[in-house]
Protein backbone atom coordinates (compact mmCIF):
# COMPACT_ATOMS: atom_id res chain seq x y z
CA MET A 1 15.86 -76.77 -59.92
CA SER A 2 12.55 -75.06 -60.66
CA THR A 3 13.21 -71.83 -58.80
CA THR A 4 13.36 -68.78 -61.02
CA MET A 5 16.51 -66.80 -60.32
CA GLN A 6 17.07 -63.08 -60.67
CA LEU A 7 19.61 -62.73 -63.45
CA HIS A 8 21.54 -59.49 -63.84
CA LEU A 9 23.14 -58.79 -67.20
CA GLN A 10 26.57 -57.31 -66.68
CA SER A 11 29.70 -56.35 -68.59
CA VAL A 12 32.97 -58.17 -67.92
CA PRO A 13 36.57 -57.35 -68.90
CA ALA A 14 38.14 -59.01 -71.94
CA ARG A 15 40.54 -61.04 -69.76
CA ASN A 16 37.58 -63.04 -68.43
CA GLY A 17 37.50 -64.90 -71.74
CA ARG A 18 40.74 -66.54 -70.63
CA LEU A 19 39.37 -67.29 -67.17
CA TRP A 20 36.42 -69.22 -68.61
CA ILE A 21 38.86 -71.62 -70.26
CA ARG A 22 40.96 -71.89 -67.12
CA HIS A 23 37.91 -72.68 -64.98
CA GLY A 24 36.77 -75.21 -67.58
CA PHE A 25 40.04 -77.13 -67.26
CA LYS A 26 39.88 -76.99 -63.45
CA VAL A 27 36.38 -78.46 -63.35
CA PHE A 28 37.31 -81.11 -65.91
CA GLN A 29 40.23 -82.18 -63.72
CA ARG A 30 37.78 -82.86 -60.88
CA GLN A 31 35.65 -85.34 -62.85
CA PRO A 32 37.46 -86.13 -66.12
CA VAL A 33 35.96 -89.58 -66.64
CA ALA A 34 32.37 -88.55 -65.85
CA LEU A 35 32.47 -85.40 -67.98
CA ALA A 36 34.25 -87.04 -70.91
CA GLY A 37 31.80 -89.92 -70.61
CA LEU A 38 28.87 -87.52 -70.92
CA PHE A 39 30.30 -86.04 -74.10
CA GLY A 40 31.03 -89.50 -75.49
CA LEU A 41 27.49 -90.60 -74.66
CA PHE A 42 26.08 -87.61 -76.52
CA LEU A 43 28.23 -88.38 -79.56
CA PHE A 44 27.08 -92.00 -79.52
CA ALA A 45 23.43 -90.96 -79.22
CA GLY A 46 23.93 -88.54 -82.09
CA PHE A 47 25.48 -91.30 -84.21
CA VAL A 48 22.52 -93.59 -83.52
CA ALA A 49 20.06 -90.79 -84.29
CA MET A 50 21.80 -90.16 -87.61
CA LEU A 51 20.91 -93.71 -88.64
CA ILE A 52 17.19 -92.85 -88.54
CA PRO A 53 16.14 -92.19 -92.15
CA GLY A 54 14.79 -88.76 -92.93
CA ILE A 55 14.81 -87.17 -89.49
CA GLY A 56 18.08 -88.40 -87.98
CA LEU A 57 20.08 -85.31 -88.90
CA LEU A 58 17.33 -82.96 -87.69
CA LEU A 59 17.08 -84.80 -84.37
CA THR A 60 20.82 -84.50 -83.84
CA MET A 61 20.83 -80.79 -84.62
CA ALA A 62 17.77 -80.19 -82.45
CA SER A 63 19.55 -81.74 -79.46
CA LEU A 64 22.52 -79.35 -79.53
CA PRO A 65 20.91 -76.62 -77.34
CA LEU A 66 20.23 -79.29 -74.70
CA LEU A 67 23.86 -80.43 -74.98
CA SER A 68 25.16 -77.00 -73.96
CA LEU A 69 22.65 -76.66 -71.12
CA GLY A 70 23.29 -80.23 -69.99
CA PHE A 71 26.98 -79.49 -69.58
CA MET A 72 26.17 -76.32 -67.63
CA LEU A 73 24.12 -78.45 -65.25
CA ALA A 74 26.90 -81.05 -65.11
CA THR A 75 29.45 -78.35 -64.28
CA HIS A 76 27.18 -77.03 -61.55
CA LEU A 77 26.98 -80.52 -60.04
CA VAL A 78 30.76 -80.94 -60.10
CA LEU A 79 31.15 -77.59 -58.34
CA GLN A 80 28.79 -78.93 -55.68
CA LYS A 81 31.02 -82.01 -55.42
CA LYS A 82 28.33 -84.21 -56.93
CA MET A 83 28.65 -86.77 -59.71
CA PRO A 84 27.09 -85.65 -63.01
CA THR A 85 25.05 -88.28 -64.84
CA ALA A 86 23.24 -88.53 -68.17
CA GLY A 87 20.19 -87.13 -66.39
CA VAL A 88 21.55 -83.61 -66.97
CA PHE A 89 20.44 -83.83 -70.60
CA VAL A 90 16.79 -84.46 -69.74
CA ALA A 91 16.60 -82.43 -66.52
CA PRO A 92 15.65 -79.21 -68.39
CA LEU A 93 12.55 -80.98 -69.72
CA LYS A 94 11.38 -81.99 -66.25
CA LEU A 95 10.65 -78.52 -64.90
CA THR A 96 7.40 -76.68 -65.59
CA ALA A 97 5.39 -77.35 -68.72
CA GLU A 98 6.07 -73.79 -69.85
CA ARG A 99 9.85 -74.16 -69.62
CA ARG A 100 9.73 -77.56 -71.28
CA ARG A 101 7.76 -76.05 -74.14
CA SER A 102 10.26 -73.19 -74.45
CA GLN A 103 13.23 -75.57 -74.51
CA LEU A 104 11.60 -77.69 -77.21
CA LEU A 105 10.84 -74.59 -79.26
CA LEU A 106 14.48 -73.54 -78.96
CA CYS A 107 15.55 -76.99 -80.15
CA LEU A 108 13.16 -76.97 -83.10
CA GLY A 109 14.14 -73.44 -84.03
CA TYR A 110 17.82 -74.34 -83.95
CA ALA A 111 17.30 -77.42 -86.12
CA GLY A 112 15.22 -75.43 -88.60
CA ALA A 113 17.83 -72.68 -88.83
CA MET A 114 20.63 -75.22 -89.31
CA LEU A 115 18.63 -76.88 -92.08
CA VAL A 116 18.21 -73.55 -93.88
CA ILE A 117 21.94 -72.80 -93.47
CA GLY A 118 22.82 -76.19 -94.93
CA LEU A 119 20.51 -75.79 -97.93
CA LEU A 120 21.75 -72.27 -98.63
CA SER A 121 25.40 -73.32 -98.36
CA ASP A 122 24.83 -76.31 -100.66
CA TRP A 123 23.20 -74.00 -103.20
CA ILE A 124 26.14 -71.58 -103.06
CA ASP A 125 28.83 -74.25 -103.41
CA GLY A 126 26.88 -76.21 -106.01
CA GLY A 127 27.22 -79.43 -104.05
CA SER A 128 31.04 -79.30 -104.10
CA THR A 129 31.23 -79.92 -100.34
CA ARG A 130 29.13 -83.07 -100.62
CA ASP A 131 31.23 -84.25 -103.57
CA LEU A 132 34.46 -83.77 -101.58
CA GLN A 133 33.04 -85.59 -98.55
CA LYS A 134 31.93 -88.46 -100.79
CA LEU A 135 35.39 -88.80 -102.34
CA ILE A 136 37.03 -88.84 -98.90
CA ALA A 137 34.54 -91.42 -97.59
CA GLU A 138 35.17 -93.63 -100.61
CA ASN A 139 38.96 -93.37 -100.21
CA ALA A 140 39.35 -91.94 -103.67
CA ASP A 141 42.81 -91.28 -105.08
CA ASN A 142 44.66 -88.19 -103.89
CA GLU A 143 44.47 -86.47 -107.26
CA ALA A 144 40.67 -86.63 -107.36
CA ILE A 145 40.44 -85.32 -103.80
CA ALA A 146 42.91 -82.53 -104.56
CA ASN A 147 40.94 -81.47 -107.64
CA ALA A 148 37.70 -81.42 -105.68
CA ALA A 149 39.32 -79.44 -102.86
CA THR A 150 40.47 -76.71 -105.25
CA ASP A 151 36.95 -76.00 -106.51
CA PRO A 152 36.51 -72.24 -105.84
CA ARG A 153 32.87 -72.78 -104.94
CA LEU A 154 34.01 -74.82 -101.95
CA PHE A 155 35.43 -71.73 -100.24
CA TRP A 156 32.27 -69.67 -100.64
CA GLY A 157 30.08 -72.50 -99.43
CA LEU A 158 32.30 -73.03 -96.39
CA ALA A 159 32.43 -69.30 -95.66
CA THR A 160 28.63 -69.10 -95.84
CA ARG A 161 28.16 -72.15 -93.64
CA MET A 162 30.65 -71.08 -90.97
CA GLY A 163 29.55 -67.45 -90.99
CA LEU A 164 25.85 -68.20 -90.60
CA MET A 165 26.51 -70.87 -87.98
CA GLY A 166 28.56 -68.33 -86.04
CA LEU A 167 25.72 -65.82 -86.19
CA LEU A 168 23.21 -68.47 -85.11
CA SER A 169 25.31 -69.36 -82.07
CA VAL A 170 24.99 -65.81 -80.70
CA PRO A 171 21.30 -65.89 -79.70
CA TYR A 172 21.54 -69.56 -78.72
CA TRP A 173 24.69 -69.24 -76.58
CA HIS A 174 22.86 -68.54 -73.33
CA ALA A 175 19.21 -68.99 -74.38
CA PRO A 176 18.67 -72.53 -72.96
CA ALA A 177 20.21 -71.51 -69.61
CA LEU A 178 18.09 -68.34 -69.51
CA VAL A 179 14.97 -70.44 -69.96
CA HIS A 180 16.09 -73.02 -67.40
CA TRP A 181 17.33 -70.76 -64.62
CA GLY A 182 15.75 -67.43 -65.51
CA GLY A 183 12.33 -68.67 -66.58
CA GLN A 184 12.49 -66.49 -69.69
CA GLY A 185 10.40 -67.10 -72.78
CA VAL A 186 11.93 -68.07 -76.11
CA ALA A 187 12.03 -64.58 -77.64
CA GLN A 188 13.31 -62.95 -74.45
CA ALA A 189 16.00 -65.60 -73.97
CA LEU A 190 17.26 -65.25 -77.54
CA PHE A 191 17.34 -61.47 -77.21
CA SER A 192 19.06 -61.54 -73.80
CA SER A 193 21.71 -63.94 -75.08
CA THR A 194 22.40 -61.72 -78.08
CA LEU A 195 22.64 -58.64 -75.87
CA ALA A 196 25.00 -60.42 -73.46
CA LEU A 197 27.39 -61.47 -76.23
CA TRP A 198 27.35 -58.01 -77.77
CA ARG A 199 27.98 -56.28 -74.45
CA ASN A 200 30.83 -58.69 -73.67
CA LYS A 201 32.12 -59.12 -77.21
CA ALA A 202 35.72 -58.42 -76.17
CA ALA A 203 35.69 -61.28 -73.66
CA PHE A 204 34.10 -63.66 -76.15
CA ALA A 205 36.58 -62.61 -78.86
CA VAL A 206 39.49 -63.37 -76.50
CA ASN A 207 37.86 -66.68 -75.58
CA MET A 208 37.41 -67.77 -79.21
CA LEU A 209 40.91 -66.65 -80.22
CA LEU A 210 42.45 -68.57 -77.34
CA TRP A 211 40.47 -71.70 -78.18
CA GLY A 212 41.58 -71.43 -81.80
CA ALA A 213 45.22 -70.95 -80.79
CA LEU A 214 45.01 -73.85 -78.34
CA LEU A 215 43.55 -76.22 -80.94
CA MET A 216 46.12 -75.28 -83.57
CA GLY A 217 48.94 -75.46 -81.05
CA VAL A 218 47.95 -78.93 -79.84
CA ALA A 219 47.49 -80.23 -83.38
CA SER A 220 50.87 -78.87 -84.49
CA ALA A 221 52.71 -80.14 -81.41
CA VAL A 222 51.25 -83.66 -81.61
CA SER A 223 51.92 -83.94 -85.36
CA LEU A 224 55.50 -82.72 -84.93
CA VAL A 225 56.32 -84.96 -81.96
CA PHE A 226 55.00 -88.13 -83.57
CA ALA A 227 56.69 -87.28 -86.86
CA LEU A 228 60.03 -86.89 -85.07
CA ILE A 229 59.74 -90.27 -83.36
CA GLY A 230 58.61 -91.97 -86.56
CA LEU A 231 55.05 -92.74 -85.47
CA SER A 232 53.08 -90.38 -87.70
CA GLN A 233 50.37 -93.00 -88.16
CA VAL A 234 49.55 -92.79 -84.44
CA ALA A 235 49.12 -89.01 -84.46
CA PRO A 236 45.49 -89.03 -85.74
CA ILE A 237 44.42 -91.31 -82.89
CA VAL A 238 46.06 -89.08 -80.28
CA LEU A 239 44.60 -85.98 -81.92
CA MET A 240 41.12 -87.50 -81.84
CA ALA A 241 41.43 -88.28 -78.12
CA LEU A 242 42.74 -84.79 -77.34
CA GLY A 243 40.02 -83.29 -79.52
CA LEU A 244 37.33 -85.08 -77.51
CA MET A 245 38.90 -83.88 -74.26
CA LEU A 246 39.15 -80.26 -75.42
CA SER A 247 35.58 -80.37 -76.72
CA THR A 248 34.43 -81.52 -73.29
CA VAL A 249 36.37 -78.72 -71.60
CA PHE A 250 34.83 -76.22 -74.00
CA TYR A 251 31.30 -77.26 -73.06
CA VAL A 252 32.22 -77.20 -69.37
CA SER A 253 33.52 -73.65 -69.75
CA LEU A 254 30.14 -72.44 -71.06
CA TYR A 255 28.85 -72.40 -67.49
CA PHE A 256 31.36 -69.76 -66.49
CA SER A 257 30.56 -67.47 -69.38
CA PHE A 258 26.91 -67.65 -68.31
CA VAL A 259 27.71 -66.93 -64.66
CA ASP A 260 29.86 -63.98 -65.71
CA CYS A 261 27.36 -62.45 -68.12
CA PHE A 262 24.31 -62.98 -65.88
CA MET A 263 25.73 -62.85 -62.37
CA PHE A 264 23.26 -64.26 -59.90
CA GLY A 265 24.96 -64.17 -56.54
CA ALA A 266 28.09 -65.99 -57.67
CA PRO A 267 31.18 -65.34 -55.53
CA GLN A 268 34.25 -63.84 -57.15
CA ASP A 269 36.05 -67.17 -57.18
CA VAL A 270 33.44 -69.73 -58.18
CA LEU A 271 35.88 -72.56 -57.76
CA ASP A 272 36.70 -71.80 -54.13
CA GLU A 273 33.08 -71.68 -52.98
CA PRO A 274 31.28 -74.15 -55.23
CA LYS A 275 28.05 -74.43 -53.29
CA SER A 276 27.05 -70.80 -53.75
CA THR A 277 27.86 -70.34 -57.43
CA SER A 278 24.44 -70.68 -58.98
CA PRO A 279 20.84 -71.72 -58.53
CA SER A 280 20.02 -75.19 -57.41
């Protein structure tokens, strides 16, 4: 796992954005329980961390770069016909001291940036998002929730939050993997990730559009079906389960976007020849 690989930045066609999703589903089908369990474990750990006063939220946000890299390592293990375990989340910290330091700096930088985004968004929306969340958590009456949801500041705060989070994801999309497998420093990894997404923006645009369409399609279909059979109250439970599954598939698919953008000896069909897809 400590070998530095030669990574070659390349351009891929837009249709590859669809293939990343397809490969993600195929790998998930090989180890659905193990992969879903990893995502569930991360969510549970995040919930526990959130209970820590003062630093819980920062710890959860700081762990997100390791979540994406952990699922890349888990996907690699599944392709090798091995069982992924929770060790994938700490494996990146067990390499050289230099790479461990770089990964921790990436995590701290991500948490700091997310904190700034949150503060800026709260300032723009005047706290309207927090007020709405509080009303929902307290099961307030529908009229109060509706009034809070129509606050015009809510839109601008949400737009700021989502826009800045989207921009932040660009340099961090591949950065942890570039540190882990490529041995790159923090600045180089962030720059390389940004360059890769820009060079392959058509593929990533297709990928994001398809994910959005898939999520909306699943939500609409489930709501409609359960409404027709008179079990609308069950729909949220089914949607939550499907949401967890699709989130797991999304993180699994990140591996294939990395392999595509930084091809390092991967065969054309990574699923047919799993043992030669990436560094060990």
